[in-house]
Amino acid sequence: MNRYILSLSDDKQLVPGLISLIEQGTDVLRGKAFLFVALLCKNSRRWLPHFFCNAKLISAVDRFGKEKEGFIHQCTEAFVQLVASLVPGILETVSSDIQQIMCGKRHGPVTALAGRAHPKSTIHLFPVILRLLGSASFKHRVVTGHVLLQLANLIKILEAPFQARDDFQMTLLRVLEAATEEPSVILDEHTIFTSRIIPSLSVLYNGNKDGDARFLCLKILSDVMIVIFSDSSLTSDEQILTDLKSISQRHFLPLYPSFAEDEDPIPIFAQKLLVMLMEHGYIKVSDILHKATVSQCFDFLLGDLSNANVSNVKLCFALASAPEMNTHILSQLQVVRRIGNLLEFVAAKDMDDFLEPTLEFCRAFIIRGTGSNRSGVALSENPALLVDSAFSMSIAVDQQTCVTDICDFGGNMGTFLELVGNSDPQISNLASDCVVLLSKAAPREATVGLLTNLPKLSTAMDLLKHESSLRLIRLLYGLAFSCRQYLAQGMILSISVSALMRVEALVSVFKGSNDSLLADAASYLSAELQRLPRCG
């Protein structure tokens, strides 16, 4: 029988003829053709590449796999089941072939690994598995726990060099990438990924000369971690926690400097993963507080801001707000003006997903500018302290312990005021906080910014007038402080009288508020406004 089947390989029309029957024949002929192909592949794996590297067959399987009943449904099911059952055997033989090559038991040219003409090697069948994973019909049947263990063993083998490893590693990595496209695969077999596959991926990345391979190593790692973090039941499991901590500290963090300097888009993926690991507490800011690493994190501000991503901003915010971060390092970066440019950019482009993290980033830097996190928190909660002389004396800003270029934020006061009027309460809250904190961190620049943007200030106050809110109180005390600064410093500014009158009208209304804190703030501001000179 085998002699007759072997003779079929000489028939050049057999494969296209069977595929044509599957595509165009009657249901009976299609079903029988499916079964014939399956039996051919079962009899000899040499048929697998001929059929499954043909996109037409895969497409037909997926199309007829949607049938719910009938002869063609039964035949398609049997076809998929039989072919999928061949995968573990293929992987086992592939693993054996590679180990024999590594041990020197197979001699011959490099093409022994990838050459389709080599009769004793089954490694050339490996791309078939990638094709099967690209099929909706096969993917769920092929990717089992046993198959994942076999893939984990193969990627472990890849840690050592052997002939034509570079070609094989790309196919294996693409197979793993395809397998992880289905979140349920990761969730059901998470232990295999966290304890075996991910550690091997980090080893494979390190020192790999193939940029595409390095990218796939990081992408698969990132995809797996994202899925695991999305399931709270997994992140509460003690063994998973241990594995994730090991991955973070032993496999990801040591490679991060390399990730950051690698080819695009590797730095972007690495940064997103770093932010996620920091948000979940597996990496601390203190772990990355090397000056070179900190500088790398802020580099995105130097380029085209349209290429920035939210992870860039979140990472810089985490650094700027961390108690472990030395303010002197942040000051040396001289990036405040560029942070302000980023704020202007995301506000002008209505990039809503950027607004909150960017404002948090600004706020963290401004708090650094006050010289004390404690004073920043106090001012945020009780803006009346801004005009409290005793409080001001107790937290006098020490230029040696704050960000020296914080005054550059003064040029962004107009944008802060516009964002106070944002319909999102959180955006509005952060923006108003930046206004009052900047008044403390950079009094002169904040004063110029507020008094030259009275129209925007009055608009923000008008939008908040129906809310007895902390946001409004911050604006009132911020303006009161600016009035005092204007007179005390003998400043000369062109102040819009019409805008000033609108502010006074609103303040007059606020003085009658039932909210005692708002009424007190309005009364205090009213007195300061009366002292301002009027000059047309």
Protein backbone atom coordinates (compact mmCIF):
# COMPACT_ATOMS: atom_id res chain seq x y z
CA MET A 1 0.00 0.00 0.00
CA ASN A 2 2.77 2.44 0.96
CA ARG A 3 4.38 1.79 -2.43
CA TYR A 4 1.24 3.01 -4.18
CA ILE A 5 0.88 6.04 -1.90
CA LEU A 6 4.52 6.90 -2.45
CA SER A 7 3.96 6.87 -6.19
CA LEU A 8 1.34 9.60 -5.74
CA SER A 9 4.10 12.06 -4.86
CA ASP A 10 5.16 11.95 -8.50
CA ASP A 11 1.76 13.21 -9.60
CA LYS A 12 2.21 16.98 -9.91
CA GLN A 13 -1.53 17.52 -10.33
CA LEU A 14 -2.62 15.68 -7.18
CA VAL A 15 -2.34 18.57 -4.72
CA PRO A 16 -3.92 21.27 -6.94
CA GLY A 17 -6.54 18.75 -8.06
CA LEU A 18 -7.62 17.90 -4.51
CA ILE A 19 -7.70 21.56 -3.51
CA SER A 20 -9.80 22.32 -6.58
CA LEU A 21 -12.27 19.59 -5.57
CA ILE A 22 -12.48 21.04 -2.06
CA GLU A 23 -13.13 24.51 -3.46
CA GLN A 24 -15.52 23.70 -6.29
CA GLY A 25 -16.82 20.13 -5.91
CA THR A 26 -20.13 18.92 -4.52
CA ASP A 27 -20.43 18.45 -0.77
CA VAL A 28 -19.78 14.73 -1.14
CA LEU A 29 -16.64 15.28 -3.23
CA ARG A 30 -15.46 18.03 -0.90
CA GLY A 31 -15.91 15.82 2.14
CA LYS A 32 -14.10 12.88 0.58
CA ALA A 33 -11.29 15.15 -0.61
CA PHE A 34 -10.86 16.47 2.95
CA LEU A 35 -10.63 12.92 4.28
CA PHE A 36 -8.20 11.87 1.55
CA VAL A 37 -5.89 14.81 2.35
CA ALA A 38 -6.03 13.99 6.06
CA LEU A 39 -5.17 10.33 5.44
CA LEU A 40 -2.31 11.26 3.13
CA CYS A 41 -0.85 13.55 5.83
CA LYS A 42 -1.31 10.88 8.48
CA ASN A 43 0.43 8.31 6.31
CA SER A 44 3.36 10.62 5.57
CA ARG A 45 4.15 14.04 7.02
CA ARG A 46 5.89 14.96 3.78
CA TRP A 47 2.44 15.90 2.44
CA LEU A 48 1.82 18.52 5.12
CA PRO A 49 3.82 21.39 3.53
CA HIS A 50 2.30 20.68 0.11
CA PHE A 51 -1.24 21.13 1.42
CA PHE A 52 -0.97 23.47 4.41
CA CYS A 53 1.39 26.00 2.90
CA ASN A 54 -1.41 26.59 0.41
CA ALA A 55 -3.65 29.46 1.53
CA LYS A 56 -6.57 28.12 -0.50
CA LEU A 57 -6.87 24.97 1.61
CA ILE A 58 -6.71 26.87 4.92
CA SER A 59 -9.35 29.30 3.67
CA ALA A 60 -11.61 26.44 2.60
CA VAL A 61 -11.27 24.69 5.96
CA ASP A 62 -12.29 27.85 7.80
CA ARG A 63 -15.18 28.42 5.42
CA PHE A 64 -16.62 24.92 5.66
CA GLY A 65 -15.78 24.71 9.35
CA LYS A 66 -18.67 27.11 9.93
CA GLU A 67 -21.15 24.47 8.72
CA LYS A 68 -23.17 23.21 11.68
CA GLU A 69 -24.46 19.92 10.28
CA GLY A 70 -24.42 17.56 7.32
CA PHE A 71 -21.82 15.43 5.58
CA ILE A 72 -19.39 18.28 4.89
CA HIS A 73 -19.52 19.28 8.58
CA GLN A 74 -18.65 15.75 9.70
CA CYS A 75 -15.82 15.46 7.19
CA THR A 76 -14.37 18.86 8.09
CA GLU A 77 -14.47 18.02 11.80
CA ALA A 78 -12.70 14.72 11.20
CA PHE A 79 -10.14 16.46 8.98
CA VAL A 80 -9.33 19.13 11.58
CA GLN A 81 -9.16 16.63 14.42
CA LEU A 82 -6.85 14.25 12.56
CA VAL A 83 -4.46 16.95 11.32
CA ALA A 84 -4.33 18.65 14.75
CA SER A 85 -3.43 15.32 16.33
CA LEU A 86 -0.26 15.23 14.21
CA VAL A 87 1.18 18.41 15.79
CA PRO A 88 2.58 16.91 19.04
CA GLY A 89 4.40 14.24 17.04
CA ILE A 90 5.86 16.85 14.69
CA LEU A 91 7.12 18.93 17.61
CA GLU A 92 8.63 15.90 19.30
CA THR A 93 10.51 14.93 16.16
CA VAL A 94 11.62 18.52 15.52
CA SER A 95 13.02 18.70 19.04
CA SER A 96 14.83 15.42 18.53
CA ASP A 97 16.28 16.58 15.20
CA ILE A 98 17.63 19.79 16.72
CA GLN A 99 19.19 17.96 19.64
CA GLN A 100 20.88 15.53 17.26
CA ILE A 101 22.26 18.44 15.24
CA MET A 102 23.52 20.09 18.45
CA CYS A 103 25.20 16.85 19.50
CA GLY A 104 26.86 16.53 16.10
CA LYS A 105 25.02 13.37 15.13
CA ARG A 106 23.69 14.96 11.96
CA HIS A 107 26.32 16.14 9.53
CA GLY A 108 25.84 18.02 6.34
CA PRO A 109 25.19 21.52 5.12
CA VAL A 110 23.29 24.18 7.04
CA THR A 111 20.33 23.50 4.79
CA ALA A 112 19.79 20.29 6.75
CA LEU A 113 17.73 22.37 9.11
CA ALA A 114 15.66 24.30 6.68
CA GLY A 115 16.05 22.56 3.36
CA ARG A 116 12.84 20.92 2.23
CA ALA A 117 14.71 18.35 0.21
CA HIS A 118 16.42 16.75 3.19
CA PRO A 119 14.58 13.45 3.70
CA LYS A 120 15.64 12.75 7.27
CA SER A 121 14.82 16.13 8.80
CA THR A 122 11.31 17.09 9.88
CA ILE A 123 12.25 20.61 10.96
CA HIS A 124 11.04 21.88 7.59
CA LEU A 125 7.54 20.87 8.75
CA PHE A 126 7.59 23.48 11.51
CA PRO A 127 6.16 26.30 9.33
CA VAL A 128 3.09 24.09 8.86
CA ILE A 129 2.26 24.60 12.53
CA LEU A 130 2.42 28.36 12.02
CA ARG A 131 -0.04 28.01 9.14
CA LEU A 132 -2.40 25.95 11.28
CA LEU A 133 -2.32 28.59 14.02
CA GLY A 134 -3.42 31.14 11.46
CA SER A 135 -6.63 29.19 10.96
CA ALA A 136 -9.66 29.78 13.17
CA SER A 137 -10.60 26.12 12.76
CA PHE A 138 -7.24 24.73 13.85
CA LYS A 139 -5.99 27.21 16.45
CA HIS A 140 -8.14 25.98 19.37
CA ARG A 141 -7.43 22.33 18.51
CA VAL A 142 -3.68 22.76 18.09
CA VAL A 143 -2.78 24.87 21.13
CA THR A 144 -3.07 22.53 24.10
CA GLY A 145 -1.16 22.43 27.37
CA HIS A 146 0.96 19.59 26.01
CA VAL A 147 1.83 21.51 22.85
CA LEU A 148 2.75 24.61 24.88
CA LEU A 149 5.10 22.50 26.98
CA GLN A 150 6.71 21.24 23.80
CA LEU A 151 7.10 24.81 22.53
CA ALA A 152 8.59 25.79 25.90
CA ASN A 153 11.12 22.97 25.52
CA LEU A 154 11.98 24.13 22.00
CA ILE A 155 12.56 27.73 23.05
CA LYS A 156 14.72 26.46 25.90
CA ILE A 157 16.80 24.59 23.33
CA LEU A 158 17.17 27.85 21.39
CA GLU A 159 19.15 29.34 24.26
CA ALA A 160 22.17 27.48 22.86
CA PRO A 161 23.51 28.05 19.32
CA PHE A 162 23.23 25.47 16.56
CA GLN A 163 23.26 25.37 12.75
CA ALA A 164 20.62 27.62 11.18
CA ARG A 165 19.19 28.57 14.55
CA ASP A 166 18.38 32.07 13.26
CA ASP A 167 15.92 30.79 10.66
CA PHE A 168 14.26 28.38 13.03
CA GLN A 169 13.96 30.88 15.89
CA MET A 170 11.86 33.27 13.79
CA THR A 171 9.36 30.55 12.93
CA LEU A 172 9.18 29.39 16.55
CA LEU A 173 8.69 32.94 17.81
CA ARG A 174 5.92 33.53 15.27
CA VAL A 175 4.28 30.28 16.40
CA LEU A 176 4.39 31.51 20.01
CA GLU A 177 3.07 34.90 18.97
CA ALA A 178 0.15 33.27 17.17
CA ALA A 179 -0.55 31.00 20.15
CA THR A 180 -0.75 33.97 22.53
CA GLU A 181 -3.23 35.88 20.38
CA GLU A 182 -5.99 34.02 22.22
CA PRO A 183 -6.10 35.27 25.86
CA SER A 184 -7.72 32.03 27.07
CA VAL A 185 -4.55 30.14 26.08
CA ILE A 186 -2.48 32.33 28.40
CA LEU A 187 -5.01 32.25 31.23
CA ASP A 188 -5.47 28.48 31.09
CA GLU A 189 -1.75 27.71 30.89
CA HIS A 190 -0.28 30.72 32.70
CA THR A 191 2.20 28.65 34.69
CA ILE A 192 3.92 27.41 31.52
CA PHE A 193 4.33 31.00 30.37
CA THR A 194 5.52 32.52 33.65
CA SER A 195 7.83 29.72 34.74
CA ARG A 196 9.24 28.51 31.43
CA ILE A 197 8.51 30.48 28.27
CA ILE A 198 9.10 34.05 29.50
CA PRO A 199 12.46 33.30 31.19
CA SER A 200 13.65 31.66 27.96
CA LEU A 201 12.46 34.64 25.91
CA SER A 202 14.65 36.98 27.97
CA VAL A 203 17.67 34.73 27.42
CA LEU A 204 16.93 34.55 23.70
CA TYR A 205 16.66 38.36 23.49
CA ASN A 206 19.94 39.02 25.21
CA GLY A 207 22.72 39.20 22.65
CA ASN A 208 20.48 38.21 19.74
CA LYS A 209 21.68 39.81 16.50
CA ASP A 210 18.29 39.59 14.77
CA GLY A 211 16.23 42.73 15.44
CA ASP A 212 12.97 41.02 14.44
CA ALA A 213 13.67 38.17 16.85
CA ARG A 214 14.43 40.61 19.68
CA PHE A 215 11.18 42.43 18.98
CA LEU A 216 9.11 39.24 19.03
CA CYS A 217 10.73 38.15 22.31
CA LEU A 218 9.65 41.39 23.97
CA LYS A 219 6.24 41.50 22.28
CA ILE A 220 5.32 37.99 23.41
CA LEU A 221 6.52 38.77 26.93
CA SER A 222 4.46 41.97 26.95
CA ASP A 223 1.33 40.32 25.50
CA VAL A 224 1.44 37.55 28.11
CA MET A 225 1.92 39.97 31.01
CA ILE A 226 -0.95 42.20 29.87
CA VAL A 227 -3.34 39.25 29.80
CA ILE A 228 -2.20 37.97 33.20
CA PHE A 229 -2.58 41.40 34.80
CA SER A 230 -6.10 41.63 33.38
CA ASP A 231 -7.21 38.69 35.55
CA SER A 232 -7.32 39.62 39.24
CA SER A 233 -7.69 35.98 40.28
CA LEU A 234 -4.26 35.24 38.81
CA THR A 235 -2.48 38.21 40.35
CA SER A 236 -3.70 37.12 43.79
CA ASP A 237 -2.18 33.64 43.41
CA GLU A 238 0.99 33.30 45.53
CA GLN A 239 2.91 31.23 42.97
CA ILE A 240 2.00 33.61 40.16
CA LEU A 241 3.08 36.56 42.31
CA THR A 242 6.44 34.88 42.88
CA ASP A 243 6.85 34.17 39.17
CA LEU A 244 5.89 37.73 38.19
CA LYS A 245 8.34 39.20 40.67
CA SER A 246 11.08 36.96 39.31
CA ILE A 247 10.23 37.95 35.73
CA SER A 248 10.29 41.63 36.64
CA GLN A 249 13.49 41.65 38.66
CA ARG A 250 15.57 38.93 37.00
CA HIS A 251 14.44 38.89 33.39
CA PHE A 252 12.97 42.30 32.50
CA LEU A 253 14.72 44.93 34.60
CA PRO A 254 18.33 43.94 33.78
CA LEU A 255 17.48 44.16 30.08
CA TYR A 256 15.60 47.47 30.26
CA PRO A 257 18.60 49.68 29.34
CA SER A 258 19.08 47.48 26.25
CA PHE A 259 15.37 47.67 25.42
CA ALA A 260 15.45 51.46 25.69
CA GLU A 261 18.30 51.77 23.19
CA ASP A 262 17.13 49.09 20.76
CA GLU A 263 15.48 49.53 17.35
CA ASP A 264 11.93 50.86 17.14
CA PRO A 265 9.38 49.82 18.26
CA ILE A 266 11.17 47.86 21.01
CA PRO A 267 11.63 50.91 23.32
CA ILE A 268 7.89 51.68 23.15
CA PHE A 269 6.87 48.14 24.09
CA ALA A 270 9.47 48.05 26.87
CA GLN A 271 8.30 51.33 28.32
CA LYS A 272 4.64 50.27 28.33
CA LEU A 273 5.59 47.08 30.12
CA LEU A 274 7.78 48.97 32.59
CA VAL A 275 4.90 51.31 33.46
CA MET A 276 2.55 48.36 33.92
CA LEU A 277 5.01 46.56 36.21
CA MET A 278 5.48 49.74 38.24
CA GLU A 279 1.72 50.28 38.52
CA HIS A 280 1.32 46.75 39.87
CA GLY A 281 4.22 47.15 42.29
CA TYR A 282 6.64 44.62 40.78
CA ILE A 283 9.19 47.32 39.95
CA LYS A 284 9.87 50.35 42.12
CA VAL A 285 11.10 53.74 41.02
CA SER A 286 14.24 53.12 43.07
CA ASP A 287 15.01 50.19 40.75
CA ILE A 288 15.49 52.50 37.76
CA LEU A 289 17.01 55.55 39.42
CA HIS A 290 20.23 55.48 37.46
CA LYS A 291 20.85 58.87 35.96
CA ALA A 292 21.22 57.49 32.43
CA THR A 293 17.93 55.63 32.72
CA VAL A 294 16.12 58.70 34.05
CA SER A 295 17.45 60.83 31.21
CA GLN A 296 16.30 58.20 28.67
CA CYS A 297 12.77 58.33 30.07
CA PHE A 298 12.54 62.07 29.38
CA ASP A 299 14.08 61.91 25.91
CA PHE A 300 10.67 61.78 24.21
CA LEU A 301 10.17 65.44 25.17
CA LEU A 302 13.08 66.39 22.92
CA GLY A 303 11.56 64.97 19.75
CA ASP A 304 8.33 65.24 17.79
CA LEU A 305 5.56 65.32 20.40
CA SER A 306 3.15 63.68 17.98
CA ASN A 307 5.19 60.50 18.50
CA ALA A 308 4.72 60.57 22.28
CA ASN A 309 2.57 57.95 23.96
CA VAL A 310 0.76 57.79 27.28
CA SER A 311 3.34 55.38 28.70
CA ASN A 312 6.06 58.01 28.16
CA VAL A 313 4.09 60.46 30.27
CA LYS A 314 3.07 57.98 32.98
CA LEU A 315 6.65 56.81 33.44
CA CYS A 316 7.97 60.36 33.79
CA PHE A 317 5.16 61.17 36.22
CA ALA A 318 6.10 58.14 38.32
CA LEU A 319 9.71 59.31 38.42
CA ALA A 320 8.88 62.94 39.20
CA SER A 321 6.47 62.02 42.01
CA ALA A 322 8.63 59.34 43.65
CA PRO A 323 10.11 60.34 47.04
CA GLU A 324 13.29 58.46 46.11
CA MET A 325 13.92 60.70 43.11
CA ASN A 326 16.59 63.32 43.70
CA THR A 327 15.16 66.72 42.75
CA HIS A 328 18.63 67.83 41.66
CA ILE A 329 18.56 65.21 38.86
CA LEU A 330 15.18 66.48 37.65
CA SER A 331 16.47 70.04 37.78
CA GLN A 332 19.51 69.16 35.67
CA LEU A 333 17.25 67.81 32.94
CA GLN A 334 15.91 71.33 32.25
CA VAL A 335 12.70 69.95 30.73
CA VAL A 336 9.97 72.13 32.28
CA ARG A 337 9.55 74.22 29.14
CA ARG A 338 9.21 71.03 27.10
CA ILE A 339 6.66 69.60 29.54
CA GLY A 340 4.71 72.82 29.08
CA ASN A 341 4.95 72.36 25.32
CA LEU A 342 3.55 68.86 25.73
CA LEU A 343 0.61 70.22 27.74
CA GLU A 344 -0.11 72.83 25.08
CA PHE A 345 0.11 70.17 22.37
CA VAL A 346 -2.27 67.64 23.94
CA ALA A 347 -4.74 70.38 24.90
CA ALA A 348 -4.75 71.88 21.40
CA LYS A 349 -5.18 68.46 19.78
CA ASP A 350 -7.96 67.40 22.20
CA MET A 351 -5.99 64.29 23.15
CA ASP A 352 -8.28 63.35 26.01
CA ASP A 353 -6.38 60.19 26.99
CA PHE A 354 -3.22 62.31 27.42
CA LEU A 355 -4.71 65.19 29.40
CA GLU A 356 -4.95 63.61 32.84
CA PRO A 357 -1.49 61.97 32.89
CA THR A 358 0.08 65.13 31.43
CA LEU A 359 -1.51 67.33 34.10
CA GLU A 360 -0.38 64.87 36.78
CA PHE A 361 3.10 65.11 35.29
CA CYS A 362 2.98 68.93 35.43
CA ARG A 363 1.65 68.88 38.98
CA ALA A 364 4.42 66.53 40.14
CA PHE A 365 7.08 68.89 38.77
CA ILE A 366 5.39 71.96 40.25
CA ILE A 367 5.27 70.30 43.67
CA ARG A 368 9.01 69.70 43.28
CA GLY A 369 9.24 73.41 42.58
CA THR A 370 7.71 74.24 45.95
CA GLY A 371 10.61 72.42 47.58
CA SER A 372 8.34 70.28 49.75
CA ASN A 373 5.79 67.60 48.99
CA ARG A 374 4.21 68.34 52.37
CA SER A 375 3.58 71.96 51.49
CA GLY A 376 2.17 70.96 48.11
CA VAL A 377 -0.38 68.64 49.68
CA ALA A 378 -1.32 71.29 52.23
CA LEU A 379 -1.87 73.95 49.56
CA SER A 380 -3.92 71.56 47.43
CA GLU A 381 -6.29 70.84 50.28
CA ASN A 382 -6.35 74.33 51.79
CA PRO A 383 -5.54 77.03 49.19
CA ALA A 384 -6.14 79.76 51.80
CA LEU A 385 -2.64 78.93 53.06
CA LEU A 386 -1.29 80.64 49.95
CA VAL A 387 -2.05 84.03 51.49
CA ASP A 388 -1.10 82.97 55.01
CA SER A 389 2.14 84.78 55.87
CA ALA A 390 3.07 82.38 58.67
CA PHE A 391 2.65 79.38 56.36
CA SER A 392 4.67 81.07 53.62
CA MET A 393 7.52 81.77 56.02
CA SER A 394 7.52 78.17 57.27
CA ILE A 395 7.93 76.73 53.77
CA ALA A 396 10.06 79.35 52.06
CA VAL A 397 11.24 77.86 48.78
CA ASP A 398 14.87 76.78 48.87
CA GLN A 399 16.25 77.04 45.35
CA GLN A 400 18.80 74.34 46.19
CA THR A 401 16.08 71.74 46.80
CA CYS A 402 13.64 72.52 44.00
CA VAL A 403 13.44 72.37 40.21
CA THR A 404 15.26 75.51 39.11
CA ASP A 405 13.46 75.97 35.78
CA ILE A 406 9.97 75.62 37.29
CA CYS A 407 9.26 79.24 36.40
CA ASP A 408 8.93 78.17 32.75
CA PHE A 409 5.46 76.85 33.61
CA GLY A 410 4.35 80.48 33.96
CA GLY A 411 3.96 80.60 30.19
CA ASN A 412 1.38 77.80 30.40
CA MET A 413 -0.93 79.52 32.87
CA GLY A 414 -3.45 80.28 30.12
CA THR A 415 -3.72 76.58 29.28
CA PHE A 416 -4.10 75.63 32.94
CA LEU A 417 -6.98 78.11 33.22
CA GLU A 418 -8.65 76.77 30.08
CA LEU A 419 -8.43 73.24 31.47
CA VAL A 420 -9.97 74.32 34.77
CA GLY A 421 -13.12 74.76 32.72
CA ASN A 422 -12.91 71.22 31.31
CA SER A 423 -16.09 69.17 31.68
CA ASP A 424 -14.11 66.30 33.23
CA PRO A 425 -13.97 67.03 37.00
CA GLN A 426 -10.63 65.26 37.37
CA ILE A 427 -9.02 67.31 34.59
CA SER A 428 -10.48 70.49 36.07
CA ASN A 429 -9.28 69.55 39.54
CA LEU A 430 -5.71 68.87 38.43
CA ALA A 431 -5.54 72.09 36.42
CA SER A 432 -6.80 74.22 39.32
CA ASP A 433 -4.28 72.52 41.59
CA CYS A 434 -1.49 73.43 39.17
CA VAL A 435 -2.63 77.08 39.28
CA VAL A 436 -2.43 77.40 43.06
CA LEU A 437 0.77 75.34 43.39
CA LEU A 438 2.53 77.32 40.68
CA SER A 439 1.67 80.50 42.56
CA LYS A 440 3.81 79.18 45.40
CA ALA A 441 6.56 77.60 43.28
CA ALA A 442 7.05 80.53 40.87
CA PRO A 443 5.23 83.57 42.36
CA ARG A 444 6.34 86.18 39.85
CA GLU A 445 5.72 84.07 36.73
CA ALA A 446 2.38 82.82 38.07
CA THR A 447 1.33 86.40 38.80
CA VAL A 448 2.14 87.48 35.25
CA GLY A 449 0.31 84.44 33.90
CA LEU A 450 -2.85 85.02 35.93
CA LEU A 451 -3.14 88.78 35.52
CA THR A 452 -2.53 88.66 31.76
CA ASN A 453 -5.08 85.87 31.36
CA LEU A 454 -7.97 87.43 33.28
CA PRO A 455 -10.44 86.72 30.41
CA LYS A 456 -9.66 83.00 30.65
CA LEU A 457 -9.78 83.17 34.44
CA SER A 458 -13.19 84.83 34.42
CA THR A 459 -14.48 82.20 31.97
CA ALA A 460 -13.28 79.41 34.27
CA MET A 461 -14.85 81.09 37.30
CA ASP A 462 -18.12 81.50 35.43
CA LEU A 463 -18.16 77.80 34.52
CA LEU A 464 -17.62 76.85 38.16
CA LYS A 465 -20.04 79.38 39.67
CA HIS A 466 -22.78 76.82 40.27
CA GLU A 467 -20.38 74.57 42.14
CA SER A 468 -19.20 75.49 45.61
CA SER A 469 -16.00 73.67 44.84
CA LEU A 470 -12.43 73.52 45.92
CA ARG A 471 -11.48 74.25 42.31
CA LEU A 472 -13.13 77.66 42.44
CA ILE A 473 -11.63 78.49 45.82
CA ARG A 474 -8.17 77.72 44.45
CA LEU A 475 -8.69 80.21 41.63
CA LEU A 476 -9.85 82.91 44.03
CA TYR A 477 -6.87 82.56 46.35
CA GLY A 478 -4.50 82.20 43.40
CA LEU A 479 -5.69 85.54 42.02
CA ALA A 480 -5.64 87.18 45.46
CA PHE A 481 -2.03 86.07 45.90
CA SER A 482 -1.17 87.47 42.46
CA CYS A 483 -2.72 90.83 43.32
CA ARG A 484 -0.55 91.03 46.42
CA GLN A 485 2.55 90.02 44.47
CA TYR A 486 1.81 92.58 41.76
CA LEU A 487 1.79 95.41 44.27
CA ALA A 488 4.55 94.13 46.54
CA GLN A 489 6.99 93.63 43.66
CA GLY A 490 6.07 96.89 41.91
CA MET A 491 5.23 95.01 38.73
CA ILE A 492 3.96 96.74 35.60
CA LEU A 493 1.51 94.76 33.48
CA SER A 494 -1.20 95.53 30.98
CA ILE A 495 -4.33 94.35 32.79
CA SER A 496 -7.65 94.20 30.94
CA VAL A 497 -10.04 96.46 32.85
CA SER A 498 -13.10 94.89 31.22
CA ALA A 499 -11.94 91.41 32.23
CA LEU A 500 -11.14 92.69 35.70
CA MET A 501 -14.67 94.05 36.01
CA ARG A 502 -16.13 90.67 34.99
CA VAL A 503 -14.03 89.00 37.67
CA GLU A 504 -15.21 91.53 40.26
CA ALA A 505 -18.84 90.92 39.32
CA LEU A 506 -18.43 87.19 39.83
CA VAL A 507 -16.55 87.69 43.08
CA SER A 508 -19.39 89.87 44.33
CA VAL A 509 -21.80 86.99 43.78
CA PHE A 510 -19.49 84.51 45.50
CA LYS A 511 -19.29 86.73 48.60
CA GLY A 512 -22.93 85.92 49.26
CA SER A 513 -22.44 82.16 49.02
CA ASN A 514 -23.77 79.86 51.72
CA ASP A 515 -20.44 78.06 51.55
CA SER A 516 -18.38 79.86 54.18
CA LEU A 517 -15.06 78.81 52.62
CA LEU A 518 -16.07 80.19 49.23
CA ALA A 519 -17.50 83.36 50.76
CA ASP A 520 -14.29 83.95 52.77
CA ALA A 521 -12.14 83.45 49.67
CA ALA A 522 -14.31 85.85 47.66
CA SER A 523 -14.21 88.50 50.40
CA TYR A 524 -10.44 88.26 50.64
CA LEU A 525 -10.03 88.52 46.86
CA SER A 526 -12.48 91.43 46.66
CA ALA A 527 -10.32 93.48 49.00
CA GLU A 528 -7.18 92.70 47.00
CA LEU A 529 -8.86 93.59 43.70
CA GLN A 530 -9.80 97.01 45.04
CA ARG A 531 -6.13 97.77 45.54
CA LEU A 532 -5.22 97.15 41.92
CA PRO A 533 -4.62 100.30 39.80
CA ARG A 534 -7.12 100.94 36.97
CA CYS A 535 -5.68 102.36 33.79
CA GLY A 536 -8.14 101.93 30.93
